N, C-alpha and C. Protein backbone atom coordinates (compact mmCIF):
# COMPACT_ATOMS: atom_id res chain seq x y z
N MET A 1 -6.21 -11.72 24.88
CA MET A 1 -6.88 -11.46 23.63
C MET A 1 -5.96 -10.63 22.74
N THR A 2 -5.76 -11.07 21.50
CA THR A 2 -4.92 -10.34 20.56
C THR A 2 -5.77 -9.80 19.43
N LEU A 3 -5.37 -8.65 18.94
CA LEU A 3 -6.06 -8.03 17.82
C LEU A 3 -5.51 -8.59 16.52
N SER A 4 -6.37 -8.76 15.56
CA SER A 4 -5.88 -9.17 14.25
C SER A 4 -5.15 -7.97 13.63
N PRO A 5 -4.21 -8.25 12.73
CA PRO A 5 -3.50 -7.14 12.09
C PRO A 5 -4.43 -6.19 11.36
N ARG A 6 -5.51 -6.71 10.81
CA ARG A 6 -6.47 -5.87 10.09
C ARG A 6 -7.13 -4.88 11.04
N ILE A 7 -7.56 -5.34 12.20
CA ILE A 7 -8.21 -4.46 13.17
C ILE A 7 -7.21 -3.46 13.74
N ALA A 8 -5.96 -3.90 13.94
CA ALA A 8 -4.94 -2.98 14.44
C ALA A 8 -4.67 -1.86 13.44
N ARG A 9 -4.61 -2.21 12.13
CA ARG A 9 -4.41 -1.17 11.11
C ARG A 9 -5.59 -0.21 11.07
N ALA A 10 -6.80 -0.75 11.19
CA ALA A 10 -8.00 0.09 11.18
C ALA A 10 -8.01 1.01 12.40
N ALA A 11 -7.61 0.50 13.55
CA ALA A 11 -7.57 1.32 14.76
C ALA A 11 -6.53 2.43 14.64
N PHE A 12 -5.38 2.10 14.06
CA PHE A 12 -4.35 3.13 13.87
C PHE A 12 -4.83 4.21 12.92
N SER A 13 -5.48 3.82 11.82
CA SER A 13 -6.01 4.81 10.88
C SER A 13 -7.11 5.64 11.52
N ALA A 14 -7.93 5.03 12.37
CA ALA A 14 -8.97 5.78 13.08
C ALA A 14 -8.34 6.79 14.03
N ALA A 15 -7.23 6.40 14.68
CA ALA A 15 -6.53 7.34 15.56
C ALA A 15 -5.97 8.51 14.75
N LEU A 16 -5.47 8.22 13.54
CA LEU A 16 -4.99 9.31 12.68
C LEU A 16 -6.13 10.23 12.26
N ALA A 17 -7.30 9.65 12.03
CA ALA A 17 -8.47 10.47 11.69
C ALA A 17 -8.82 11.40 12.84
N LEU A 18 -8.77 10.88 14.07
CA LEU A 18 -9.05 11.73 15.23
C LEU A 18 -7.99 12.82 15.40
N LEU A 19 -6.74 12.48 15.12
CA LEU A 19 -5.68 13.49 15.17
C LEU A 19 -5.93 14.57 14.12
N GLY A 20 -6.41 14.17 12.94
CA GLY A 20 -6.75 15.15 11.91
C GLY A 20 -7.89 16.05 12.33
N VAL A 21 -8.89 15.49 13.00
CA VAL A 21 -9.99 16.31 13.51
C VAL A 21 -9.46 17.31 14.53
N GLY A 22 -8.56 16.86 15.40
CA GLY A 22 -7.96 17.77 16.38
C GLY A 22 -7.18 18.89 15.72
N ALA A 23 -6.42 18.57 14.68
CA ALA A 23 -5.66 19.60 13.96
C ALA A 23 -6.61 20.59 13.29
N ALA A 24 -7.70 20.10 12.72
CA ALA A 24 -8.65 20.99 12.07
C ALA A 24 -9.31 21.92 13.09
N ILE A 25 -9.67 21.38 14.24
CA ILE A 25 -10.28 22.21 15.29
C ILE A 25 -9.29 23.24 15.79
N GLY A 26 -8.03 22.81 16.00
CA GLY A 26 -7.00 23.76 16.45
C GLY A 26 -6.75 24.85 15.43
N GLY A 27 -6.71 24.48 14.14
CA GLY A 27 -6.53 25.47 13.10
C GLY A 27 -7.68 26.44 13.02
N TRP A 28 -8.90 25.94 13.22
CA TRP A 28 -10.07 26.82 13.23
C TRP A 28 -9.97 27.82 14.36
N GLY A 29 -9.45 27.37 15.50
CA GLY A 29 -9.29 28.25 16.65
C GLY A 29 -8.31 29.38 16.39
N TYR A 30 -7.27 29.10 15.61
CA TYR A 30 -6.30 30.15 15.27
C TYR A 30 -6.85 31.13 14.25
N GLY A 31 -7.84 30.71 13.52
CA GLY A 31 -8.43 31.58 12.49
C GLY A 31 -7.99 31.17 11.11
N VAL A 32 -8.93 30.74 10.30
CA VAL A 32 -8.62 30.30 8.95
C VAL A 32 -8.37 31.50 8.04
N THR A 33 -9.10 32.57 8.25
CA THR A 33 -8.89 33.80 7.47
C THR A 33 -8.76 34.98 8.42
N GLN A 34 -8.17 36.03 7.89
CA GLN A 34 -8.05 37.27 8.65
C GLN A 34 -9.19 38.20 8.26
N ASP A 35 -9.29 39.31 8.96
CA ASP A 35 -10.37 40.26 8.67
C ASP A 35 -10.27 40.86 7.28
N ASN A 36 -9.06 41.00 6.75
CA ASN A 36 -8.90 41.60 5.43
C ASN A 36 -9.03 40.58 4.30
N GLY A 37 -9.41 39.34 4.62
CA GLY A 37 -9.63 38.32 3.60
C GLY A 37 -8.44 37.46 3.30
N GLN A 38 -7.28 37.76 3.88
CA GLN A 38 -6.11 36.93 3.65
C GLN A 38 -6.18 35.66 4.49
N ILE A 39 -5.37 34.71 4.12
CA ILE A 39 -5.33 33.44 4.85
C ILE A 39 -4.72 33.68 6.21
N GLY A 40 -5.36 33.10 7.23
CA GLY A 40 -4.89 33.27 8.60
C GLY A 40 -3.92 32.18 9.01
N ALA A 41 -3.45 32.29 10.24
CA ALA A 41 -2.46 31.36 10.78
C ALA A 41 -3.00 29.94 10.90
N GLY A 42 -4.29 29.78 11.02
CA GLY A 42 -4.86 28.46 11.20
C GLY A 42 -5.26 27.76 9.91
N PHE A 43 -5.04 28.39 8.75
CA PHE A 43 -5.47 27.78 7.50
C PHE A 43 -4.79 26.46 7.23
N LEU A 44 -3.45 26.44 7.34
CA LEU A 44 -2.71 25.21 7.02
C LEU A 44 -3.06 24.06 7.96
N PRO A 45 -3.07 24.27 9.30
CA PRO A 45 -3.48 23.14 10.14
C PRO A 45 -4.92 22.71 9.90
N PHE A 46 -5.80 23.66 9.60
CA PHE A 46 -7.19 23.32 9.32
C PHE A 46 -7.29 22.48 8.05
N ALA A 47 -6.65 22.94 6.97
CA ALA A 47 -6.72 22.23 5.69
C ALA A 47 -6.07 20.85 5.79
N LEU A 48 -4.91 20.78 6.41
CA LEU A 48 -4.24 19.49 6.53
C LEU A 48 -4.99 18.55 7.46
N GLY A 49 -5.61 19.09 8.49
CA GLY A 49 -6.41 18.27 9.38
C GLY A 49 -7.60 17.65 8.66
N ILE A 50 -8.25 18.45 7.81
CA ILE A 50 -9.38 17.94 7.02
C ILE A 50 -8.91 16.85 6.06
N VAL A 51 -7.81 17.12 5.35
CA VAL A 51 -7.29 16.14 4.40
C VAL A 51 -6.88 14.86 5.13
N MET A 52 -6.21 15.01 6.27
CA MET A 52 -5.78 13.84 7.04
C MET A 52 -6.97 13.03 7.52
N THR A 53 -8.00 13.71 7.98
CA THR A 53 -9.21 13.02 8.44
C THR A 53 -9.88 12.25 7.31
N LEU A 54 -10.02 12.89 6.16
CA LEU A 54 -10.66 12.23 5.02
C LEU A 54 -9.87 11.02 4.54
N LEU A 55 -8.55 11.17 4.41
CA LEU A 55 -7.74 10.05 3.94
C LEU A 55 -7.73 8.90 4.94
N ALA A 56 -7.66 9.22 6.22
CA ALA A 56 -7.68 8.17 7.23
C ALA A 56 -9.04 7.46 7.26
N ALA A 57 -10.11 8.21 7.08
CA ALA A 57 -11.44 7.60 7.06
C ALA A 57 -11.60 6.68 5.85
N VAL A 58 -11.08 7.08 4.71
CA VAL A 58 -11.12 6.22 3.52
C VAL A 58 -10.29 4.97 3.76
N ASP A 59 -9.14 5.11 4.43
CA ASP A 59 -8.30 3.96 4.73
C ASP A 59 -9.02 2.99 5.68
N VAL A 60 -9.68 3.53 6.69
CA VAL A 60 -10.43 2.67 7.62
C VAL A 60 -11.51 1.91 6.87
N ALA A 61 -12.24 2.60 6.01
CA ALA A 61 -13.31 1.93 5.25
C ALA A 61 -12.74 0.86 4.33
N ALA A 62 -11.61 1.13 3.69
CA ALA A 62 -11.00 0.14 2.80
C ALA A 62 -10.51 -1.08 3.58
N ILE A 63 -9.93 -0.84 4.74
CA ILE A 63 -9.43 -1.95 5.56
C ILE A 63 -10.58 -2.82 6.03
N LEU A 64 -11.65 -2.20 6.48
CA LEU A 64 -12.76 -2.97 7.02
C LEU A 64 -13.57 -3.67 5.93
N ARG A 65 -13.54 -3.16 4.71
CA ARG A 65 -14.26 -3.79 3.61
C ARG A 65 -13.54 -5.04 3.10
N ARG A 66 -12.19 -5.04 3.19
CA ARG A 66 -11.43 -6.19 2.73
C ARG A 66 -11.71 -7.40 3.58
N ARG A 67 -11.82 -8.53 2.92
CA ARG A 67 -12.05 -9.78 3.63
C ARG A 67 -10.72 -10.32 4.11
N GLU A 68 -10.67 -10.74 5.36
CA GLU A 68 -9.46 -11.30 5.93
C GLU A 68 -9.38 -12.79 5.61
N PRO A 69 -8.18 -13.29 5.20
CA PRO A 69 -8.05 -14.72 4.91
C PRO A 69 -8.38 -15.55 6.15
N GLN A 70 -9.05 -16.66 5.92
CA GLN A 70 -9.48 -17.50 7.04
C GLN A 70 -8.40 -18.48 7.49
N GLY A 71 -7.54 -18.87 6.61
CA GLY A 71 -6.52 -19.84 7.02
C GLY A 71 -5.26 -19.68 6.20
N LEU A 72 -4.24 -20.46 6.55
CA LEU A 72 -2.96 -20.38 5.89
C LEU A 72 -3.07 -20.79 4.42
N ALA A 73 -3.89 -21.79 4.12
CA ALA A 73 -4.04 -22.24 2.74
C ALA A 73 -4.61 -21.14 1.86
N GLU A 74 -5.53 -20.36 2.38
CA GLU A 74 -6.12 -19.27 1.61
C GLU A 74 -5.11 -18.15 1.40
N GLU A 75 -4.22 -17.95 2.36
CA GLU A 75 -3.20 -16.92 2.22
C GLU A 75 -2.17 -17.28 1.18
N LEU A 76 -1.84 -18.56 1.05
CA LEU A 76 -0.72 -18.98 0.23
C LEU A 76 -1.11 -19.47 -1.16
N THR A 77 -2.32 -19.24 -1.61
CA THR A 77 -2.72 -19.70 -2.92
C THR A 77 -2.85 -18.52 -3.87
N GLY A 78 -2.77 -18.83 -5.14
CA GLY A 78 -3.05 -17.82 -6.15
C GLY A 78 -1.80 -17.20 -6.74
N VAL A 79 -2.04 -16.33 -7.70
CA VAL A 79 -0.99 -15.67 -8.44
C VAL A 79 -0.21 -14.71 -7.54
N GLU A 80 -0.90 -14.08 -6.60
CA GLU A 80 -0.22 -13.12 -5.72
C GLU A 80 0.91 -13.80 -4.95
N HIS A 81 0.68 -15.03 -4.49
CA HIS A 81 1.72 -15.75 -3.76
C HIS A 81 2.91 -16.02 -4.67
N GLU A 82 2.66 -16.43 -5.92
CA GLU A 82 3.74 -16.71 -6.85
C GLU A 82 4.54 -15.44 -7.14
N ALA A 83 3.86 -14.32 -7.31
CA ALA A 83 4.56 -13.06 -7.56
C ALA A 83 5.39 -12.65 -6.35
N ASP A 84 4.84 -12.79 -5.15
CA ASP A 84 5.60 -12.48 -3.94
C ASP A 84 6.82 -13.37 -3.81
N ALA A 85 6.66 -14.66 -4.09
CA ALA A 85 7.78 -15.59 -3.99
C ALA A 85 8.86 -15.23 -5.01
N ALA A 86 8.46 -14.87 -6.24
CA ALA A 86 9.44 -14.49 -7.25
C ALA A 86 10.17 -13.23 -6.86
N ALA A 87 9.46 -12.26 -6.28
CA ALA A 87 10.11 -11.02 -5.84
C ALA A 87 11.09 -11.31 -4.72
N ILE A 88 10.73 -12.18 -3.79
CA ILE A 88 11.62 -12.52 -2.69
C ILE A 88 12.85 -13.24 -3.23
N ASP A 89 12.67 -14.15 -4.19
CA ASP A 89 13.81 -14.85 -4.79
C ASP A 89 14.74 -13.88 -5.49
N THR A 90 14.19 -12.91 -6.22
CA THR A 90 15.02 -11.94 -6.92
C THR A 90 15.83 -11.12 -5.94
N VAL A 91 15.22 -10.68 -4.86
CA VAL A 91 15.93 -9.88 -3.87
C VAL A 91 16.98 -10.72 -3.17
N ALA A 92 16.68 -12.00 -2.93
CA ALA A 92 17.64 -12.87 -2.27
C ALA A 92 18.86 -13.11 -3.16
N GLU A 93 18.64 -13.20 -4.49
CA GLU A 93 19.75 -13.44 -5.39
C GLU A 93 20.63 -12.21 -5.55
N ALA A 94 20.05 -11.02 -5.59
CA ALA A 94 20.80 -9.77 -5.77
C ALA A 94 20.32 -8.78 -4.72
N PRO A 95 20.97 -8.74 -3.56
CA PRO A 95 20.46 -7.92 -2.46
C PRO A 95 20.50 -6.41 -2.70
N ASP A 96 21.32 -5.93 -3.66
CA ASP A 96 21.34 -4.48 -3.87
C ASP A 96 20.35 -4.02 -4.94
N ILE A 97 19.53 -4.92 -5.45
CA ILE A 97 18.50 -4.57 -6.43
C ILE A 97 17.23 -4.16 -5.68
N ASP A 98 16.68 -2.99 -6.04
CA ASP A 98 15.45 -2.55 -5.37
C ASP A 98 14.22 -3.14 -6.05
N ALA A 99 13.05 -2.75 -5.59
CA ALA A 99 11.81 -3.30 -6.09
C ALA A 99 11.57 -2.97 -7.56
N LEU A 100 12.18 -1.92 -8.06
CA LEU A 100 12.02 -1.53 -9.46
C LEU A 100 13.12 -2.10 -10.35
N GLY A 101 14.00 -2.93 -9.79
CA GLY A 101 15.05 -3.58 -10.57
C GLY A 101 16.29 -2.74 -10.77
N ARG A 102 16.49 -1.72 -9.97
CA ARG A 102 17.66 -0.85 -10.11
C ARG A 102 18.72 -1.24 -9.09
N SER A 103 19.97 -1.23 -9.53
CA SER A 103 21.08 -1.54 -8.63
C SER A 103 21.45 -0.29 -7.82
N GLN A 104 22.29 -0.49 -6.82
CA GLN A 104 22.75 0.64 -6.01
C GLN A 104 23.50 1.65 -6.86
N ARG A 105 24.26 1.17 -7.82
CA ARG A 105 25.01 2.06 -8.71
C ARG A 105 24.05 2.92 -9.55
N GLN A 106 23.00 2.31 -10.07
CA GLN A 106 22.01 3.06 -10.85
C GLN A 106 21.30 4.10 -9.99
N ARG A 107 20.96 3.72 -8.77
CA ARG A 107 20.29 4.67 -7.87
C ARG A 107 21.21 5.84 -7.53
N ASN A 108 22.50 5.57 -7.30
CA ASN A 108 23.45 6.64 -7.02
C ASN A 108 23.60 7.57 -8.21
N ARG A 109 23.65 7.00 -9.42
CA ARG A 109 23.75 7.82 -10.62
C ARG A 109 22.52 8.69 -10.80
N MET A 110 21.33 8.11 -10.54
CA MET A 110 20.09 8.88 -10.66
C MET A 110 20.06 10.02 -9.65
N LEU A 111 20.55 9.78 -8.43
CA LEU A 111 20.60 10.83 -7.43
C LEU A 111 21.53 11.96 -7.86
N ALA A 112 22.68 11.60 -8.43
CA ALA A 112 23.62 12.62 -8.91
C ALA A 112 23.01 13.43 -10.06
N ILE A 113 22.29 12.76 -10.94
CA ILE A 113 21.65 13.46 -12.07
C ILE A 113 20.59 14.43 -11.54
N VAL A 114 19.78 13.98 -10.59
CA VAL A 114 18.74 14.85 -10.03
C VAL A 114 19.37 16.04 -9.31
N ALA A 115 20.44 15.81 -8.57
CA ALA A 115 21.12 16.91 -7.88
C ALA A 115 21.66 17.92 -8.89
N GLY A 116 22.24 17.44 -9.98
CA GLY A 116 22.73 18.34 -11.03
C GLY A 116 21.61 19.12 -11.68
N MET A 117 20.49 18.44 -11.92
CA MET A 117 19.33 19.13 -12.51
C MET A 117 18.78 20.18 -11.56
N LEU A 118 18.79 19.90 -10.27
CA LEU A 118 18.32 20.87 -9.28
C LEU A 118 19.20 22.12 -9.28
N VAL A 119 20.51 21.93 -9.34
CA VAL A 119 21.42 23.07 -9.39
C VAL A 119 21.17 23.87 -10.67
N ALA A 120 20.98 23.19 -11.79
CA ALA A 120 20.69 23.89 -13.04
C ALA A 120 19.39 24.68 -12.95
N ALA A 121 18.37 24.08 -12.34
CA ALA A 121 17.08 24.77 -12.19
C ALA A 121 17.24 26.00 -11.30
N LEU A 122 18.01 25.87 -10.22
CA LEU A 122 18.24 27.03 -9.35
C LEU A 122 18.99 28.14 -10.09
N LEU A 123 19.91 27.78 -10.96
CA LEU A 123 20.63 28.78 -11.74
C LEU A 123 19.73 29.44 -12.79
N LEU A 124 18.69 28.75 -13.22
CA LEU A 124 17.76 29.30 -14.20
C LEU A 124 16.70 30.21 -13.57
N VAL A 125 16.52 30.15 -12.25
CA VAL A 125 15.48 30.96 -11.59
C VAL A 125 15.65 32.46 -11.88
N PRO A 126 16.85 33.04 -11.79
CA PRO A 126 16.96 34.48 -12.08
C PRO A 126 16.64 34.84 -13.54
N VAL A 127 16.76 33.89 -14.44
CA VAL A 127 16.50 34.16 -15.85
C VAL A 127 15.04 33.86 -16.22
N LEU A 128 14.56 32.65 -15.87
CA LEU A 128 13.23 32.22 -16.29
C LEU A 128 12.15 32.44 -15.25
N GLY A 129 12.52 32.57 -14.01
CA GLY A 129 11.56 32.65 -12.92
C GLY A 129 11.42 31.31 -12.23
N LEU A 130 10.86 31.33 -11.03
CA LEU A 130 10.77 30.12 -10.22
C LEU A 130 9.83 29.08 -10.83
N LEU A 131 8.66 29.50 -11.24
CA LEU A 131 7.67 28.53 -11.71
C LEU A 131 8.10 27.84 -13.00
N ILE A 132 8.64 28.58 -13.94
CA ILE A 132 9.08 27.96 -15.19
C ILE A 132 10.27 27.04 -14.93
N SER A 133 11.19 27.45 -14.06
CA SER A 133 12.34 26.61 -13.72
C SER A 133 11.89 25.32 -13.04
N LEU A 134 10.93 25.41 -12.13
CA LEU A 134 10.42 24.20 -11.48
C LEU A 134 9.71 23.29 -12.47
N GLY A 135 8.95 23.88 -13.37
CA GLY A 135 8.27 23.08 -14.39
C GLY A 135 9.25 22.35 -15.28
N LEU A 136 10.31 23.04 -15.70
CA LEU A 136 11.33 22.40 -16.52
C LEU A 136 12.06 21.30 -15.74
N LEU A 137 12.29 21.55 -14.45
CA LEU A 137 12.93 20.54 -13.61
C LEU A 137 12.07 19.28 -13.52
N ILE A 138 10.79 19.45 -13.32
CA ILE A 138 9.89 18.30 -13.23
C ILE A 138 9.87 17.52 -14.54
N VAL A 139 9.79 18.22 -15.66
CA VAL A 139 9.79 17.54 -16.96
C VAL A 139 11.11 16.81 -17.17
N ALA A 140 12.23 17.46 -16.85
CA ALA A 140 13.55 16.83 -17.04
C ALA A 140 13.70 15.58 -16.18
N ILE A 141 13.30 15.66 -14.92
CA ILE A 141 13.41 14.48 -14.05
C ILE A 141 12.51 13.36 -14.55
N ALA A 142 11.30 13.69 -14.93
CA ALA A 142 10.36 12.66 -15.38
C ALA A 142 10.82 11.99 -16.67
N THR A 143 11.35 12.76 -17.61
CA THR A 143 11.73 12.17 -18.89
C THR A 143 13.11 11.55 -18.88
N VAL A 144 14.08 12.21 -18.27
CA VAL A 144 15.46 11.72 -18.31
C VAL A 144 15.70 10.66 -17.25
N VAL A 145 15.34 10.94 -16.01
CA VAL A 145 15.65 10.02 -14.92
C VAL A 145 14.64 8.88 -14.85
N GLU A 146 13.37 9.21 -14.89
CA GLU A 146 12.33 8.19 -14.73
C GLU A 146 11.88 7.57 -16.06
N ARG A 147 12.35 8.12 -17.17
CA ARG A 147 12.03 7.61 -18.52
C ARG A 147 10.53 7.55 -18.79
N ARG A 148 9.84 8.59 -18.42
CA ARG A 148 8.41 8.71 -18.71
C ARG A 148 8.23 9.39 -20.06
N GLY A 149 7.04 9.30 -20.60
CA GLY A 149 6.74 9.96 -21.86
C GLY A 149 6.67 11.47 -21.69
N ILE A 150 6.86 12.19 -22.78
CA ILE A 150 6.90 13.65 -22.70
C ILE A 150 5.52 14.23 -22.38
N ILE A 151 4.46 13.67 -22.93
CA ILE A 151 3.11 14.21 -22.70
C ILE A 151 2.71 14.06 -21.23
N PRO A 152 2.82 12.86 -20.62
CA PRO A 152 2.49 12.77 -19.20
C PRO A 152 3.39 13.65 -18.33
N SER A 153 4.66 13.78 -18.72
CA SER A 153 5.58 14.63 -17.95
C SER A 153 5.16 16.09 -18.01
N LEU A 154 4.76 16.54 -19.19
CA LEU A 154 4.29 17.93 -19.34
C LEU A 154 3.01 18.16 -18.54
N LEU A 155 2.12 17.17 -18.54
CA LEU A 155 0.88 17.30 -17.77
C LEU A 155 1.16 17.39 -16.27
N VAL A 156 2.04 16.53 -15.78
CA VAL A 156 2.39 16.55 -14.35
C VAL A 156 3.05 17.87 -14.00
N ALA A 157 3.94 18.34 -14.86
CA ALA A 157 4.61 19.62 -14.60
C ALA A 157 3.62 20.78 -14.60
N ALA A 158 2.69 20.79 -15.55
CA ALA A 158 1.71 21.87 -15.62
C ALA A 158 0.81 21.88 -14.38
N VAL A 159 0.37 20.71 -13.95
CA VAL A 159 -0.47 20.64 -12.75
C VAL A 159 0.32 21.07 -11.52
N SER A 160 1.56 20.61 -11.41
CA SER A 160 2.40 20.98 -10.26
C SER A 160 2.65 22.48 -10.21
N VAL A 161 3.02 23.06 -11.33
CA VAL A 161 3.26 24.50 -11.38
C VAL A 161 1.98 25.26 -11.07
N GLY A 162 0.85 24.78 -11.60
CA GLY A 162 -0.43 25.42 -11.31
C GLY A 162 -0.77 25.40 -9.84
N VAL A 163 -0.56 24.26 -9.18
CA VAL A 163 -0.85 24.16 -7.75
C VAL A 163 0.09 25.06 -6.95
N ILE A 164 1.37 25.07 -7.30
CA ILE A 164 2.32 25.94 -6.59
C ILE A 164 1.93 27.39 -6.75
N HIS A 165 1.57 27.78 -7.98
CA HIS A 165 1.14 29.17 -8.22
C HIS A 165 -0.12 29.50 -7.43
N LEU A 166 -1.08 28.59 -7.43
CA LEU A 166 -2.33 28.82 -6.71
C LEU A 166 -2.09 28.99 -5.21
N VAL A 167 -1.31 28.09 -4.64
CA VAL A 167 -1.09 28.13 -3.19
C VAL A 167 -0.27 29.35 -2.79
N PHE A 168 0.87 29.55 -3.43
CA PHE A 168 1.77 30.59 -2.96
C PHE A 168 1.44 31.98 -3.51
N ALA A 169 1.22 32.09 -4.81
CA ALA A 169 1.01 33.42 -5.39
C ALA A 169 -0.41 33.93 -5.17
N VAL A 170 -1.40 33.04 -5.32
CA VAL A 170 -2.79 33.49 -5.24
C VAL A 170 -3.30 33.49 -3.80
N LEU A 171 -3.22 32.33 -3.14
CA LEU A 171 -3.79 32.23 -1.79
C LEU A 171 -2.93 32.92 -0.73
N LEU A 172 -1.63 32.63 -0.72
CA LEU A 172 -0.77 33.21 0.31
C LEU A 172 -0.21 34.58 -0.07
N LYS A 173 -0.35 34.95 -1.33
CA LYS A 173 0.12 36.23 -1.85
C LYS A 173 1.61 36.45 -1.58
N VAL A 174 2.38 35.38 -1.79
CA VAL A 174 3.84 35.44 -1.66
C VAL A 174 4.41 35.87 -2.99
N PRO A 175 5.24 36.91 -3.02
CA PRO A 175 5.84 37.31 -4.30
C PRO A 175 6.80 36.22 -4.79
N MET A 176 6.63 35.82 -6.04
CA MET A 176 7.44 34.77 -6.63
C MET A 176 8.47 35.39 -7.55
N PRO A 177 9.70 34.86 -7.58
CA PRO A 177 10.70 35.37 -8.52
C PRO A 177 10.24 35.12 -9.97
N THR A 178 10.18 36.19 -10.76
CA THR A 178 9.72 36.06 -12.14
C THR A 178 10.88 36.03 -13.14
N GLY A 179 12.07 36.35 -12.71
CA GLY A 179 13.23 36.31 -13.60
C GLY A 179 13.25 37.46 -14.58
N LEU A 180 14.24 37.42 -15.46
CA LEU A 180 14.39 38.49 -16.45
C LEU A 180 13.27 38.50 -17.46
N ILE A 181 12.72 37.34 -17.75
CA ILE A 181 11.65 37.25 -18.74
C ILE A 181 10.36 37.82 -18.17
N GLY A 182 10.07 37.56 -16.91
CA GLY A 182 8.91 38.13 -16.24
C GLY A 182 7.58 37.54 -16.64
N LEU A 183 7.54 36.28 -17.07
CA LEU A 183 6.27 35.68 -17.50
C LEU A 183 5.38 35.37 -16.31
N ILE A 184 5.81 34.46 -15.45
CA ILE A 184 5.02 34.10 -14.26
C ILE A 184 5.94 33.96 -13.08
């Protein structure tokens, strides 16, 4: 007896959900908070276990809700098949082109640009502070490298900086470099 790929994927996701439950229970055992109200050693495994369990459960539900094709003819019909065939033909014609249409040379250049931006952001940390430097790095990568619009890039940077500040400065109470300006 062989399992269908759909059932195998669902079983794997269910196993990940159980692993997440185990991590959450283990984290609870270590203590999510300390007596003085600070986050305890078990907070991260507990939180990640809960997130892992929820995401795996959603994946299992999505896999089981999808209808499995009944035959080869049903698998090979429709626009999706034509798009897949076109993508395969494109990759076969130019093997160094990735799924987004970038060549190996373009990917190498993008990596060098990101590395240079990272060094620049690290050099700005003593002046602007960590959070502002990271925010500027995210905006620069999104607009220059990924060619996204400035408004969505600013929104992503603001949310990212906010989450980093919340996790490290507020919840974990880790002192963050504020730089010469001393804003955040």
